[in-house]
Amino acid sequence: NGTTRVLSVTEAEQTFTFVDVAEKPLPSLLRGFS
């Protein structure tokens, strides 16, 4: 029962902070890319 969010990566290096998240976020990089 997860929630999906899209983060826009626009810089070579960025920091994202997740607040009140029960589990460690798992990135799904290049999903749907072929």
PDB file of N, CA and C in Angstrom:
ATOM      1  N   ASN A   1       0.845  -1.190   0.000  1.00  0.00           N
ATOM      2  CA  ASN A   1       0.000   0.000   0.000  1.00  0.00           C
ATOM      3  C   ASN A   1       0.884   1.245   0.000  1.00  0.00           C
ATOM      4  N   GLY A   2       1.809   1.304  -0.966  1.00  0.00           N
ATOM      5  CA  GLY A   2       2.750   2.413  -1.010  1.00  0.00           C
ATOM      6  C   GLY A   2       2.204   3.621  -1.730  1.00  0.00           C
ATOM      7  N   THR A   3       2.955   4.671  -1.652  1.00  0.00           N
ATOM      8  CA  THR A   3       2.608   5.913  -2.321  1.00  0.00           C
ATOM      9  C   THR A   3       3.691   6.214  -3.339  1.00  0.00           C
ATOM     10  N   THR A   4       3.297   6.676  -4.496  1.00  0.00           N
ATOM     11  CA  THR A   4       4.256   6.998  -5.546  1.00  0.00           C
ATOM     12  C   THR A   4       4.374   8.502  -5.682  1.00  0.00           C
ATOM     13  N   ARG A   5       5.598   8.974  -5.755  1.00  0.00           N
ATOM     14  CA  ARG A   5       5.869  10.391  -5.976  1.00  0.00           C
ATOM     15  C   ARG A   5       6.946  10.493  -7.038  1.00  0.00           C
ATOM     16  N   VAL A   6       6.915  11.557  -7.808  1.00  0.00           N
ATOM     17  CA  VAL A   6       7.928  11.797  -8.827  1.00  0.00           C
ATOM     18  C   VAL A   6       8.810  12.948  -8.367  1.00  0.00           C
ATOM     19  N   LEU A   7      10.119  12.715  -8.348  1.00  0.00           N
ATOM     20  CA  LEU A   7      11.072  13.760  -8.005  1.00  0.00           C
ATOM     21  C   LEU A   7      11.772  14.187  -9.287  1.00  0.00           C
ATOM     22  N   SER A   8      11.782  15.461  -9.554  1.00  0.00           N
ATOM     23  CA  SER A   8      12.464  15.975 -10.741  1.00  0.00           C
ATOM     24  C   SER A   8      13.930  16.208 -10.408  1.00  0.00           C
ATOM     25  N   VAL A   9      14.792  15.470 -11.081  1.00  0.00           N
ATOM     26  CA  VAL A   9      16.233  15.624 -10.879  1.00  0.00           C
ATOM     27  C   VAL A   9      16.731  16.552 -11.979  1.00  0.00           C
ATOM     28  N   THR A  10      17.051  17.773 -11.580  1.00  0.00           N
ATOM     29  CA  THR A  10      17.422  18.796 -12.557  1.00  0.00           C
ATOM     30  C   THR A  10      18.869  19.258 -12.422  1.00  0.00           C
ATOM     31  N   GLU A  11      19.545  18.798 -11.390  1.00  0.00           N
ATOM     32  CA  GLU A  11      20.939  19.180 -11.156  1.00  0.00           C
ATOM     33  C   GLU A  11      21.795  17.922 -11.073  1.00  0.00           C
ATOM     34  N   ALA A  12      23.113  18.082 -11.270  1.00  0.00           N
ATOM     35  CA  ALA A  12      24.025  16.938 -11.196  1.00  0.00           C
ATOM     36  C   ALA A  12      24.041  16.339  -9.792  1.00  0.00           C
ATOM     37  N   GLU A  13      23.821  17.167  -8.786  1.00  0.00           N
ATOM     38  CA  GLU A  13      23.791  16.690  -7.400  1.00  0.00           C
ATOM     39  C   GLU A  13      22.667  17.407  -6.673  1.00  0.00           C
ATOM     40  N   GLN A  14      21.774  16.638  -6.046  1.00  0.00           N
ATOM     41  CA  GLN A  14      20.657  17.208  -5.297  1.00  0.00           C
ATOM     42  C   GLN A  14      20.429  16.398  -4.029  1.00  0.00           C
ATOM     43  N   THR A  15      19.772  17.014  -3.065  1.00  0.00           N
ATOM     44  CA  THR A  15      19.414  16.340  -1.822  1.00  0.00           C
ATOM     45  C   THR A  15      17.904  16.395  -1.658  1.00  0.00           C
ATOM     46  N   PHE A  16      17.317  15.245  -1.354  1.00  0.00           N
ATOM     47  CA  PHE A  16      15.889  15.156  -1.080  1.00  0.00           C
ATOM     48  C   PHE A  16      15.727  14.656   0.351  1.00  0.00           C
ATOM     49  N   THR A  17      14.850  15.286   1.115  1.00  0.00           N
ATOM     50  CA  THR A  17      14.602  14.893   2.498  1.00  0.00           C
ATOM     51  C   THR A  17      13.190  14.346   2.613  1.00  0.00           C
ATOM     52  N   PHE A  18      13.078  13.134   3.142  1.00  0.00           N
ATOM     53  CA  PHE A  18      11.782  12.486   3.321  1.00  0.00           C
ATOM     54  C   PHE A  18      11.418  12.549   4.801  1.00  0.00           C
ATOM     55  N   VAL A  19      10.228  13.068   5.102  1.00  0.00           N
ATOM     56  CA  VAL A  19       9.786  13.258   6.483  1.00  0.00           C
ATOM     57  C   VAL A  19       8.586  12.356   6.748  1.00  0.00           C
ATOM     58  N   ASP A  20       8.553  11.754   7.934  1.00  0.00           N
ATOM     59  CA  ASP A  20       7.445  10.887   8.355  1.00  0.00           C
ATOM     60  C   ASP A  20       7.222   9.725   7.391  1.00  0.00           C
ATOM     61  N   VAL A  21       8.314   9.090   6.979  1.00  0.00           N
ATOM     62  CA  VAL A  21       8.242   7.924   6.105  1.00  0.00           C
ATOM     63  C   VAL A  21       8.618   6.709   6.940  1.00  0.00           C
ATOM     64  N   ALA A  22       7.712   5.728   7.011  1.00  0.00           N
ATOM     65  CA  ALA A  22       7.932   4.561   7.861  1.00  0.00           C
ATOM     66  C   ALA A  22       9.090   3.694   7.370  1.00  0.00           C
ATOM     67  N   GLU A  23       9.264   3.592   6.055  1.00  0.00           N
ATOM     68  CA  GLU A  23      10.328   2.763   5.495  1.00  0.00           C
ATOM     69  C   GLU A  23      11.245   3.613   4.626  1.00  0.00           C
ATOM     70  N   LYS A  24      12.474   3.140   4.459  1.00  0.00           N
ATOM     71  CA  LYS A  24      13.436   3.843   3.618  1.00  0.00           C
ATOM     72  C   LYS A  24      12.917   3.910   2.180  1.00  0.00           C
ATOM     73  N   PRO A  25      12.930   5.098   1.562  1.00  0.00           N
ATOM     74  CA  PRO A  25      12.459   5.221   0.177  1.00  0.00           C
ATOM     75  C   PRO A  25      13.307   4.370  -0.767  1.00  0.00           C
ATOM     76  N   LEU A  26      12.671   3.801  -1.778  1.00  0.00           N
ATOM     77  CA  LEU A  26      13.356   2.974  -2.768  1.00  0.00           C
ATOM     78  C   LEU A  26      13.175   3.605  -4.146  1.00  0.00           C
ATOM     79  N   PRO A  27      14.267   4.137  -4.723  1.00  0.00           N
ATOM     80  CA  PRO A  27      14.127   4.763  -6.039  1.00  0.00           C
ATOM     81  C   PRO A  27      13.917   3.720  -7.130  1.00  0.00           C
ATOM     82  N   SER A  28      13.100   4.052  -8.083  1.00  0.00           N
ATOM     83  CA  SER A  28      12.879   3.206  -9.252  1.00  0.00           C
ATOM     84  C   SER A  28      13.384   4.005 -10.447  1.00  0.00           C
ATOM     85  N   LEU A  29      14.672   3.876 -10.702  1.00  0.00           N
ATOM     86  CA  LEU A  29      15.315   4.666 -11.744  1.00  0.00           C
ATOM     87  C   LEU A  29      15.033   4.087 -13.122  1.00  0.00           C
ATOM     88  N   LEU A  30      14.782   4.949 -14.063  1.00  0.00           N
ATOM     89  CA  LEU A  30      14.547   4.588 -15.463  1.00  0.00           C
ATOM     90  C   LEU A  30      13.354   3.665 -15.649  1.00  0.00           C
ATOM     91  N   ARG A  31      12.367   3.758 -14.778  1.00  0.00           N
ATOM     92  CA  ARG A  31      11.156   2.938 -14.913  1.00  0.00           C
ATOM     93  C   ARG A  31      10.468   3.262 -16.234  1.00  0.00           C
ATOM     94  N   GLY A  32      10.173   2.234 -17.006  1.00  0.00           N
ATOM     95  CA  GLY A  32       9.490   2.411 -18.275  1.00  0.00           C
ATOM     96  C   GLY A  32      10.388   2.896 -19.400  1.00  0.00           C
ATOM     97  N   PHE A  33      11.685   2.988 -19.149  1.00  0.00           N
ATOM     98  CA  PHE A  33      12.616   3.456 -20.170  1.00  0.00           C
ATOM     99  C   PHE A  33      13.163   2.269 -20.942  1.00  0.00           C
ATOM    100  N   SER A  34      13.121   2.341 -22.245  1.00  0.00           N
ATOM    101  CA  SER A  34      13.716   1.266 -23.052  1.00  0.00           C
ATOM    102  C   SER A  34      14.229   1.813 -24.368  1.00  0.00           C
TER     103      SER A  34
END
